[in-house]
């Protein structure tokens, strides 16, 4: 659970201040400020009674620089043994995002702890340790590090073994000598994600990114666990030793060919909906070691707006209600503001002080609706005044709005719509009168014809 604890602790971790090679790139590799976190007290399986944090420093070495002497002096405020010189043959732990920041003084979050190799006790890992005896290779001192880039575009958890402890060389003044090295470690397992925070729309297919590298081990198992508000369950479990899927929730999939070829343990979720929102924990097991990454899945649905009536036809002094319907948005929080702007030249928009809002209503797909309305009593001078309903939501960068214009009765001559309406009415009336005239003319002609026939008959008799 180290990755979960690490993510929860990121917000509470402060910065070191000025140190040597402050989150920078050197000839040897990337140097990161870090915290060494040590748990104290507590029995096996119980919570610790105390947690201590000490400053530490990580050097993520380039492969071509392994074994080269240091080209910088480690800071004095890092205790002996807490400068970690990390070698990763895969190079995955050295990621460019660790020394890229979008904000001034923003740093990658880093934590390192002691680690104890041990067997995992879930059904899909039993064949990883079928000999039931831990090999001698897993003796010695082990550490686990968790690093998340400041820009939230990369996160990695690594398990490493100490291959050379810090010799503690120093000069007569207590400063580290140039070329002194720290605690040298070699990475045995990396579990990483290139997207720790995933946002998507409803009914889309989404991939939760997770990958791993394992040194000297081709046997592995993968587990995806879902957690939300204190409860959770396994979504997908794969036993790589037996090539067997133990658990697969409907609509989920992993990519077996890429999993075995390149360590791509990503999870595909099809047709996501509100029930999928939460934290997904990708755990990779190899013999006696395991590490994980937590990926947050959020659903973002922008609100749909309608404003009625639009335009507002009203008599002077008569009260009218404007309603702004905001629908099908997620998550719940939404901010609604009303503004008004007079048609007078040079006027500026002003906030409407009083508005009313209904309670949120949930749709069958989990999205929400709400209605906000205001009452207005415009006068003749308010003709062409514009009312705006402005909505802010996490799905919108700049918000969205709808406007309605006040049309005062008698404020101007007939509009083009009125003119068209009158023309259509006149045309229909004209056609109706022509029809009456034709019917009357036809009836008169028929009557005249019958009278003439009668006269002819009388004369002939």
Protein backbone atom coordinates (compact mmCIF):
# COMPACT_ATOMS: atom_id res chain seq x y z
CA UNK A 1 0.00 0.00 0.00
CA UNK A 2 3.04 2.27 -0.17
CA UNK A 3 1.88 4.02 -3.34
CA UNK A 4 -1.48 4.91 -1.76
CA UNK A 5 0.08 6.28 1.42
CA UNK A 6 2.54 8.19 -0.73
CA UNK A 7 -0.20 9.83 -2.82
CA UNK A 8 -2.13 10.88 0.27
CA UNK A 9 1.01 12.34 1.82
CA UNK A 10 2.09 14.40 -1.19
CA UNK A 11 0.04 17.43 -0.20
CA UNK A 12 1.53 17.49 3.30
CA UNK A 13 5.19 17.27 2.30
CA UNK A 14 7.17 20.53 2.38
CA UNK A 15 10.25 21.48 0.46
CA UNK A 16 13.82 21.16 1.61
CA UNK A 17 15.11 24.62 0.84
CA UNK A 18 18.35 25.12 -1.06
CA UNK A 19 20.38 21.96 -1.52
CA UNK A 20 23.09 20.87 -3.89
CA UNK A 21 21.91 20.16 -7.42
CA UNK A 22 18.32 21.08 -6.48
CA UNK A 23 16.03 18.80 -8.59
CA UNK A 24 18.35 19.18 -11.55
CA UNK A 25 20.20 17.31 -14.24
CA UNK A 26 23.94 16.66 -13.87
CA UNK A 27 26.47 14.81 -15.98
CA UNK A 28 25.85 11.71 -13.85
CA UNK A 29 22.04 11.84 -13.98
CA UNK A 30 19.01 13.42 -12.28
CA UNK A 31 19.28 14.61 -8.67
CA UNK A 32 16.09 14.78 -6.59
CA UNK A 33 15.27 16.05 -3.11
CA UNK A 34 13.48 13.34 -1.18
CA UNK A 35 12.13 12.37 2.25
CA UNK A 36 13.33 9.28 4.07
CA UNK A 37 10.26 8.09 5.99
CA UNK A 38 10.69 5.63 8.83
CA UNK A 39 7.93 3.90 10.75
CA UNK A 40 8.56 3.18 14.41
CA UNK A 41 6.77 1.01 16.98
CA UNK A 42 3.71 -1.11 16.31
CA UNK A 43 3.54 -4.87 15.95
CA UNK A 44 3.46 -6.93 12.80
CA UNK A 45 0.36 -6.01 10.79
CA UNK A 46 -0.58 -3.06 13.00
CA UNK A 47 -0.19 0.67 12.49
CA UNK A 48 3.10 2.26 13.61
CA UNK A 49 3.13 4.35 16.76
CA UNK A 50 5.32 7.05 15.19
CA UNK A 51 6.54 8.17 11.78
CA UNK A 52 9.72 10.19 11.28
CA UNK A 53 10.84 12.12 8.19
CA UNK A 54 14.42 12.99 7.34
CA UNK A 55 15.93 14.81 4.39
CA UNK A 56 17.49 12.60 1.79
CA UNK A 57 18.83 12.92 -1.74
CA UNK A 58 18.51 10.62 -4.76
CA UNK A 59 20.86 10.43 -7.71
CA UNK A 60 19.13 8.66 -10.60
CA UNK A 61 22.23 7.62 -12.54
CA UNK A 62 22.57 7.39 -16.27
CA UNK A 63 23.58 3.87 -17.28
CA UNK A 64 26.74 5.08 -18.98
CA UNK A 65 27.78 6.84 -15.74
CA UNK A 66 27.49 3.83 -13.41
CA UNK A 67 30.62 3.66 -11.28
CA UNK A 68 31.80 7.19 -12.09
CA UNK A 69 32.76 9.42 -9.12
CA UNK A 70 30.41 12.18 -8.02
CA UNK A 71 30.74 15.52 -9.78
CA UNK A 72 29.08 17.46 -6.93
CA UNK A 73 29.24 17.73 -3.14
CA UNK A 74 26.18 16.27 -1.35
CA UNK A 75 24.62 18.73 1.13
CA UNK A 76 25.65 18.63 4.78
CA UNK A 77 22.06 18.53 6.07
CA UNK A 78 21.53 15.05 4.55
CA UNK A 79 22.47 12.46 7.14
CA UNK A 80 25.07 9.79 6.45
CA UNK A 81 23.50 6.93 4.53
CA UNK A 82 20.53 9.00 3.25
CA UNK A 83 22.16 9.97 -0.03
CA UNK A 84 21.04 7.22 -2.42
CA UNK A 85 22.97 6.54 -5.62
CA UNK A 86 20.41 4.59 -7.68
CA UNK A 87 21.31 2.41 -10.66
CA UNK A 88 18.47 1.26 -12.91
CA UNK A 89 19.60 -0.89 -15.86
CA UNK A 90 16.29 -0.19 -17.65
CA UNK A 91 16.62 3.59 -17.28
CA UNK A 92 12.88 3.89 -16.59
CA UNK A 93 13.37 5.64 -13.25
CA UNK A 94 15.14 8.52 -15.02
CA UNK A 95 12.22 10.46 -16.48
CA UNK A 96 12.43 13.94 -17.98
CA UNK A 97 9.31 15.05 -16.12
CA UNK A 98 11.20 14.95 -12.81
CA UNK A 99 13.09 18.14 -13.58
CA UNK A 100 10.31 19.91 -15.49
CA UNK A 101 7.98 22.21 -13.57
CA UNK A 102 5.07 24.38 -14.68
CA UNK A 103 5.33 26.62 -11.60
CA UNK A 104 8.20 28.41 -9.95
CA UNK A 105 9.79 26.47 -7.06
CA UNK A 106 7.58 23.45 -7.78
CA UNK A 107 9.33 20.13 -7.23
CA UNK A 108 8.71 16.45 -7.75
CA UNK A 109 7.32 14.67 -4.70
CA UNK A 110 9.59 11.93 -3.42
CA UNK A 111 9.60 9.43 -0.56
CA UNK A 112 11.92 6.52 0.22
CA UNK A 113 11.45 3.76 2.84
CA UNK A 114 12.99 0.52 3.98
CA UNK A 115 11.48 -2.55 2.30
CA UNK A 116 11.26 -6.19 3.34
CA UNK A 117 10.98 -8.81 0.56
CA UNK A 118 8.22 -11.31 1.29
CA UNK A 119 5.73 -13.57 -0.42
CA UNK A 120 2.28 -12.20 -1.34
CA UNK A 121 -0.80 -14.07 -0.13
CA UNK A 122 -3.36 -13.83 -2.92
CA UNK A 123 -4.50 -16.67 -5.17
CA UNK A 124 -2.91 -15.34 -8.34
CA UNK A 125 0.58 -15.12 -6.79
CA UNK A 126 0.98 -18.51 -5.12
CA UNK A 127 2.96 -19.97 -8.05
CA UNK A 128 5.51 -17.13 -7.85
CA UNK A 129 6.86 -18.56 -4.59
CA UNK A 130 5.97 -22.22 -4.91
CA UNK A 131 9.32 -23.29 -3.36
CA UNK A 132 8.22 -21.56 -0.11
CA UNK A 133 11.86 -20.61 0.60
CA UNK A 134 13.17 -17.11 -0.04
CA UNK A 135 16.36 -17.28 -2.15
CA UNK A 136 19.55 -15.85 -0.69
CA UNK A 137 19.38 -13.12 -3.33
CA UNK A 138 16.64 -11.45 -1.27
CA UNK A 139 18.83 -11.02 1.79
CA UNK A 140 20.54 -7.75 2.64
CA UNK A 141 19.02 -4.26 2.81
CA UNK A 142 16.22 -3.15 0.49
CA UNK A 143 14.47 0.18 -0.11
CA UNK A 144 11.37 1.31 -1.97
CA UNK A 145 11.03 4.78 -3.48
CA UNK A 146 7.94 6.61 -4.72
CA UNK A 147 8.39 9.60 -7.01
CA UNK A 148 5.73 11.72 -8.69
CA UNK A 149 6.62 14.49 -11.15
CA UNK A 150 5.49 17.99 -10.23
CA UNK A 151 3.51 18.24 -13.48
CA UNK A 152 1.58 15.04 -12.57
CA UNK A 153 2.59 13.41 -15.86
CA UNK A 154 4.67 10.56 -14.45
CA UNK A 155 4.75 8.53 -11.25
CA UNK A 156 6.98 5.57 -10.39
CA UNK A 157 7.48 3.18 -7.49
CA UNK A 158 10.77 1.29 -7.40
CA UNK A 159 12.16 -1.50 -5.24
CA UNK A 160 15.94 -1.59 -4.97
CA UNK A 161 18.66 -3.54 -3.22
CA UNK A 162 21.69 -1.99 -1.56
CA UNK A 163 24.82 -3.18 -3.37
CA UNK A 164 27.28 -0.86 -1.59
CA UNK A 165 26.63 1.10 1.61
CA UNK A 166 27.85 4.66 2.06
CA UNK A 167 31.51 4.67 3.19
CA UNK A 168 31.03 7.94 5.08
CA UNK A 169 34.21 9.58 3.82
CA UNK A 170 34.53 13.23 4.80
CA UNK A 171 37.19 15.91 5.17
CA UNK A 172 38.50 17.38 8.41
CA UNK A 173 35.70 19.99 8.48
CA UNK A 174 32.95 17.40 8.26
CA UNK A 175 32.13 18.07 4.60
CA UNK A 176 31.77 15.29 2.05
CA UNK A 177 34.84 14.83 -0.06
CA UNK A 178 34.58 15.29 -3.80
CA UNK A 179 34.04 11.84 -5.29
CA UNK A 180 32.51 10.31 -2.14
CA UNK A 181 29.52 8.13 -2.97
CA UNK A 182 26.30 7.44 -1.14
CA UNK A 183 24.29 4.30 -0.54
CA UNK A 184 24.49 2.56 -3.91
CA UNK A 185 21.39 0.62 -4.91
CA UNK A 186 20.24 -1.37 -7.92
CA UNK A 187 16.59 -1.37 -9.00
CA UNK A 188 14.92 -4.80 -9.12
CA UNK A 189 11.32 -3.71 -9.86
CA UNK A 190 9.72 -0.58 -11.31
CA UNK A 191 5.97 0.02 -11.51
CA UNK A 192 5.01 3.29 -13.20
CA UNK A 193 2.23 5.25 -14.85
CA UNK A 194 2.44 8.07 -17.36
CA UNK A 195 -1.01 9.34 -16.44
CA UNK A 196 -1.84 9.21 -12.71
CA UNK A 197 -4.99 11.33 -13.16
CA UNK A 198 -7.36 10.30 -15.95
CA UNK A 199 -10.35 12.42 -16.98
CA UNK A 200 -12.91 11.22 -19.50
CA UNK A 201 -16.49 11.73 -20.73
CA UNK A 202 -19.39 9.35 -20.19
CA UNK A 203 -19.75 6.28 -22.41
CA UNK A 204 -16.14 6.43 -23.65
CA UNK A 205 -13.54 3.67 -23.61
CA UNK A 206 -10.57 4.57 -21.41
CA UNK A 207 -7.11 3.07 -20.80
CA UNK A 208 -5.54 3.30 -17.34
CA UNK A 209 -1.79 3.38 -17.99
CA UNK A 210 0.46 1.06 -15.97
CA UNK A 211 3.81 -0.49 -16.85
CA UNK A 212 6.61 -2.38 -15.12
CA UNK A 213 10.18 -3.59 -15.48
CA UNK A 214 11.57 -6.51 -13.48
CA UNK A 215 15.24 -7.45 -13.23
CA UNK A 216 16.12 -11.15 -13.50
CA UNK A 217 12.51 -12.28 -13.37
CA UNK A 218 10.17 -13.38 -16.14
CA UNK A 219 7.52 -14.58 -13.70
CA UNK A 220 4.92 -12.06 -12.62
CA UNK A 221 1.27 -11.50 -11.74
CA UNK A 222 -0.89 -8.39 -12.17
CA UNK A 223 -3.78 -7.13 -10.08
CA UNK A 224 -6.10 -4.16 -10.60
CA UNK A 225 -8.12 -3.11 -7.55
CA UNK A 226 -10.87 -0.48 -7.42
CA UNK A 227 -11.36 1.74 -4.35
CA UNK A 228 -13.93 4.43 -3.65
CA UNK A 229 -15.00 6.00 -0.36
CA UNK A 230 -13.48 3.29 1.82
CA UNK A 231 -14.71 0.24 -0.06
CA UNK A 232 -13.20 -1.67 -2.94
CA UNK A 233 -12.85 -4.89 -4.88
CA UNK A 234 -10.56 -6.59 -7.40
CA UNK A 235 -11.41 -5.62 -10.98
CA UNK A 236 -8.86 -7.77 -12.79
CA UNK A 237 -6.36 -10.42 -11.69
CA UNK A 238 -3.93 -12.27 -13.95
CA UNK A 239 -1.59 -15.12 -13.01
CA UNK A 240 1.33 -14.71 -15.41
CA UNK A 241 3.02 -17.95 -14.33
CA UNK A 242 0.06 -20.06 -15.44
CA UNK A 243 -1.13 -17.55 -18.08
CA UNK A 244 -4.51 -17.55 -16.41
CA UNK A 245 -7.09 -14.80 -15.79
CA UNK A 246 -8.42 -15.25 -12.26
CA UNK A 247 -10.83 -12.29 -12.13
CA UNK A 248 -12.12 -10.10 -14.96
CA UNK A 249 -14.92 -7.63 -14.34
CA UNK A 250 -17.27 -7.22 -17.29
CA UNK A 251 -16.06 -4.55 -19.71
CA UNK A 252 -12.38 -4.76 -18.67
CA UNK A 253 -9.38 -6.01 -20.62
CA UNK A 254 -5.57 -6.10 -20.51
CA UNK A 255 -3.25 -6.56 -23.48
CA UNK A 256 -1.54 -9.94 -23.03
CA UNK A 257 0.90 -9.70 -25.92
CA UNK A 258 2.23 -6.29 -24.79
CA UNK A 259 2.12 -7.39 -21.16
CA UNK A 260 4.56 -10.23 -21.75
CA UNK A 261 6.64 -8.45 -24.38
CA UNK A 262 7.15 -5.03 -22.80
CA UNK A 263 5.54 -5.01 -19.35
CA UNK A 264 2.44 -3.06 -20.42
CA UNK A 265 -0.04 -3.84 -17.63
CA UNK A 266 -2.56 -1.14 -18.64
CA UNK A 267 -6.27 -1.76 -18.08
CA UNK A 268 -8.95 -1.02 -20.69
CA UNK A 269 -12.40 -0.11 -19.38
CA UNK A 270 -15.18 0.05 -21.96
CA UNK A 271 -18.21 2.35 -21.89
CA UNK A 272 -17.36 4.12 -18.63
CA UNK A 273 -20.13 5.51 -16.44
CA UNK A 274 -20.45 7.13 -13.02
CA UNK A 275 -19.95 3.84 -11.16
CA UNK A 276 -16.40 3.67 -12.56
CA UNK A 277 -15.28 6.89 -10.81
CA UNK A 278 -12.63 6.22 -8.15
CA UNK A 279 -9.06 5.03 -7.56
CA UNK A 280 -7.60 2.10 -9.47
CA UNK A 281 -4.51 0.42 -7.98
CA UNK A 282 -2.22 -1.42 -10.37
CA UNK A 283 -0.08 -3.95 -8.44
CA UNK A 284 2.67 -6.00 -10.07
CA UNK A 285 4.01 -9.06 -8.23
CA UNK A 286 7.29 -10.83 -8.92
CA UNK A 287 8.84 -13.45 -6.61
CA UNK A 288 9.02 -11.91 -3.09
CA UNK A 289 8.60 -8.36 -4.39
CA UNK A 290 5.62 -6.26 -5.32
CA UNK A 291 4.93 -2.60 -6.03
CA UNK A 292 1.99 -0.53 -7.22
CA UNK A 293 0.62 2.66 -8.72
CA UNK A 294 -2.67 4.42 -7.94
CA UNK A 295 -4.55 6.02 -10.85
CA UNK A 296 -7.49 8.36 -10.30
CA UNK A 297 -10.37 8.06 -12.79
CA UNK A 298 -12.68 11.05 -13.04
CA UNK A 299 -15.71 11.58 -15.27
CA UNK A 300 -16.26 15.13 -16.48
CA UNK A 301 -19.51 16.08 -18.23
CA UNK A 302 -20.02 19.75 -19.18
CA UNK A 303 -23.40 21.36 -18.42
CA UNK A 304 -26.00 22.06 -21.08
CA UNK A 305 -27.78 25.42 -20.80
CA UNK A 306 -31.16 26.82 -21.84
CA UNK A 307 -32.59 30.23 -20.92
CA UNK A 308 -36.30 31.02 -21.15
CA UNK A 309 -38.06 33.11 -22.25
CA UNK A 310 -35.74 34.31 -24.97
CA UNK A 311 -36.35 37.07 -25.89
CA UNK A 312 -38.42 38.50 -23.02
CA UNK A 313 -41.57 40.25 -24.34
CA UNK A 314 -43.04 42.27 -21.49
CA UNK A 315 -45.22 45.32 -20.76
CA UNK A 316 -43.71 48.17 -18.70
CA UNK A 317 -43.90 47.49 -14.94
CA UNK A 318 -45.01 43.90 -15.40
CA UNK A 319 -43.07 41.18 -13.52
CA UNK A 320 -41.47 38.41 -15.54
CA UNK A 321 -39.47 35.30 -14.54
CA UNK A 322 -36.29 34.22 -16.35
CA UNK A 323 -35.27 30.59 -15.88
CA UNK A 324 -31.83 29.12 -16.60
CA UNK A 325 -31.88 25.32 -16.85
CA UNK A 326 -28.47 23.67 -16.34
CA UNK A 327 -28.53 19.97 -17.14
CA UNK A 328 -26.49 16.77 -17.55
CA UNK A 329 -23.30 17.88 -15.76
CA UNK A 330 -20.88 15.90 -13.57
CA UNK A 331 -19.47 16.19 -10.97
CA UNK A 332 -22.04 17.93 -8.78
CA UNK A 333 -20.43 21.29 -7.98
CA UNK A 334 -21.58 24.09 -10.28
CA UNK A 335 -21.61 27.89 -9.88
CA UNK A 336 -24.40 30.02 -11.41
CA UNK A 337 -24.24 33.81 -11.77
CA UNK A 338 -26.67 36.30 -13.32
CA UNK A 339 -25.53 39.49 -15.03
CA UNK A 340 -27.39 42.37 -16.66
CA UNK A 341 -26.26 45.00 -19.13
CA UNK A 342 -28.22 48.03 -20.27
CA UNK A 343 -28.48 48.95 -23.95
CA UNK A 344 -27.33 52.50 -23.11
CA UNK A 345 -23.97 53.40 -24.71
CA UNK A 346 -20.97 52.83 -22.42
CA UNK A 347 -22.87 50.69 -19.92
CA UNK A 348 -21.13 47.76 -18.21
CA UNK A 349 -22.34 44.39 -17.02
CA UNK A 350 -23.52 44.21 -13.41
CA UNK A 351 -24.29 41.23 -11.20
CA UNK A 352 -27.91 40.51 -10.34
CA UNK A 353 -28.07 40.44 -6.55
CA UNK A 354 -31.07 38.18 -6.03
CA UNK A 355 -31.60 34.81 -7.64
CA UNK A 356 -33.24 31.53 -6.66
CA UNK A 357 -32.07 27.98 -7.26
CA UNK A 358 -33.72 24.57 -7.09
CA UNK A 359 -32.09 21.56 -5.45
CA UNK A 360 -29.91 19.34 -7.63
CA UNK A 361 -31.76 16.59 -9.45
CA UNK A 362 -29.95 13.41 -10.54
CA UNK A 363 -30.57 11.79 -13.91
CA UNK A 364 -30.60 8.06 -14.59
CA UNK A 365 -27.03 8.25 -15.97
CA UNK A 366 -25.76 9.83 -12.74
CA UNK A 367 -25.43 13.39 -14.09
CA UNK A 368 -27.20 16.32 -12.45
CA UNK A 369 -29.70 19.08 -13.30
CA UNK A 370 -30.47 22.35 -11.54
CA UNK A 371 -32.56 25.43 -12.36
CA UNK A 372 -31.82 29.01 -11.40
CA UNK A 373 -34.23 31.90 -11.95
CA UNK A 374 -34.62 35.61 -11.38
CA UNK A 375 -37.61 37.96 -11.36
CA UNK A 376 -37.44 41.21 -13.34
CA UNK A 377 -39.82 44.21 -13.56
CA UNK A 378 -38.49 46.26 -16.47
CA UNK A 379 -39.59 49.75 -17.47
CA UNK A 380 -39.60 51.35 -20.91
CA UNK A 381 -35.97 52.51 -20.44
CA UNK A 382 -34.94 48.83 -20.07
CA UNK A 383 -35.78 48.01 -23.68
CA UNK A 384 -32.96 45.88 -25.24
CA UNK A 385 -31.40 45.20 -21.82
CA UNK A 386 -29.46 41.91 -21.88
CA UNK A 387 -29.65 39.33 -19.08
CA UNK A 388 -26.95 36.63 -18.94
CA UNK A 389 -26.88 33.30 -17.10
CA UNK A 390 -23.19 32.40 -16.58
CA UNK A 391 -22.19 28.89 -15.40
CA UNK A 392 -18.80 27.72 -14.08
CA UNK A 393 -17.95 24.02 -13.84
CA UNK A 394 -14.77 21.94 -13.53
CA UNK A 395 -15.33 20.65 -17.09
CA UNK A 396 -15.16 24.19 -18.52
CA UNK A 397 -11.99 26.28 -18.78
CA UNK A 398 -13.79 29.61 -19.18
CA UNK A 399 -17.39 28.80 -18.26
CA UNK A 400 -20.44 28.94 -20.51
CA UNK A 401 -23.40 31.30 -20.82
CA UNK A 402 -26.81 32.03 -22.35
CA UNK A 403 -28.33 35.47 -22.89
CA UNK A 404 -31.87 36.85 -23.26
CA UNK A 405 -32.90 40.34 -24.46
CA UNK A 406 -35.79 42.41 -23.04
CA UNK A 407 -38.33 43.60 -25.64
CA UNK A 408 -40.68 46.23 -24.19
CA UNK A 409 -44.16 46.41 -25.71
CA UNK A 410 -44.63 49.73 -27.56
CA UNK A 411 -40.99 50.69 -27.40
CA UNK A 412 -40.56 50.56 -31.18
CA UNK A 413 -42.43 50.00 -34.42
CA UNK A 414 -43.32 46.57 -35.74
CA UNK A 415 -40.37 44.27 -35.99
CA UNK A 416 -39.57 42.31 -39.11
CA UNK A 417 -41.20 39.30 -37.48
CA UNK A 418 -44.36 41.36 -36.92
CA UNK A 419 -44.28 42.59 -40.52
CA UNK A 420 -43.95 39.08 -41.86
CA UNK A 421 -46.79 37.96 -39.63
CA UNK A 422 -49.07 40.76 -40.86
CA UNK A 423 -48.17 39.96 -44.48
CA UNK A 424 -49.02 36.31 -44.01
CA UNK A 425 -52.31 37.23 -42.30
CA UNK A 426 -53.25 39.62 -45.10
CA UNK A 427 -52.36 37.04 -47.73
CA UNK A 428 -54.54 34.41 -46.03
CA UNK A 429 -57.43 36.90 -45.69
CA UNK A 430 -57.11 37.87 -49.34
CA UNK A 431 -57.20 34.21 -50.37
CA UNK A 432 -60.25 33.62 -48.16
CA UNK A 433 -62.15 36.55 -49.74
CA UNK A 434 -61.23 35.33 -53.24
CA UNK A 435 -62.62 31.91 -52.36
CA UNK A 436 -65.91 33.41 -51.12
CA UNK A 437 -66.15 35.50 -54.29
CA UNK A 438 -65.56 32.46 -56.51
CA UNK A 439 -68.15 30.39 -54.64
CA UNK A 440 -70.78 33.15 -54.87
CA UNK A 441 -69.99 33.73 -58.54
CA UNK A 442 -70.31 30.05 -59.30
CA UNK A 443 -73.64 29.81 -57.48
CA UNK A 444 -75.04 32.88 -59.34
CA UNK A 445 -73.95 31.53 -62.73
CA UNK A 446 -75.64 28.17 -62.06
CA UNK A 447 -78.89 29.87 -61.03
CA UNK A 448 -78.89 32.03 -64.17
CA UNK A 449 -78.33 29.00 -66.37
CA UNK A 450 -81.29 27.16 -64.84
CA UNK A 451 -83.58 30.17 -65.38
CA UNK A 452 -82.63 30.36 -69.06
CA UNK A 453 -83.40 26.67 -69.58
CA UNK A 454 -86.88 27.13 -68.11
CA UNK A 455 -87.66 30.06 -70.44
CA UNK A 456 -86.61 28.06 -73.50
CA UNK A 457 -88.90 25.22 -72.52
CA UNK A 458 -91.92 27.56 -72.11
CA UNK A 459 -91.40 29.12 -75.55
CA UNK A 460 -91.06 25.80 -77.29
CA UNK A 461 -94.32 24.52 -75.76
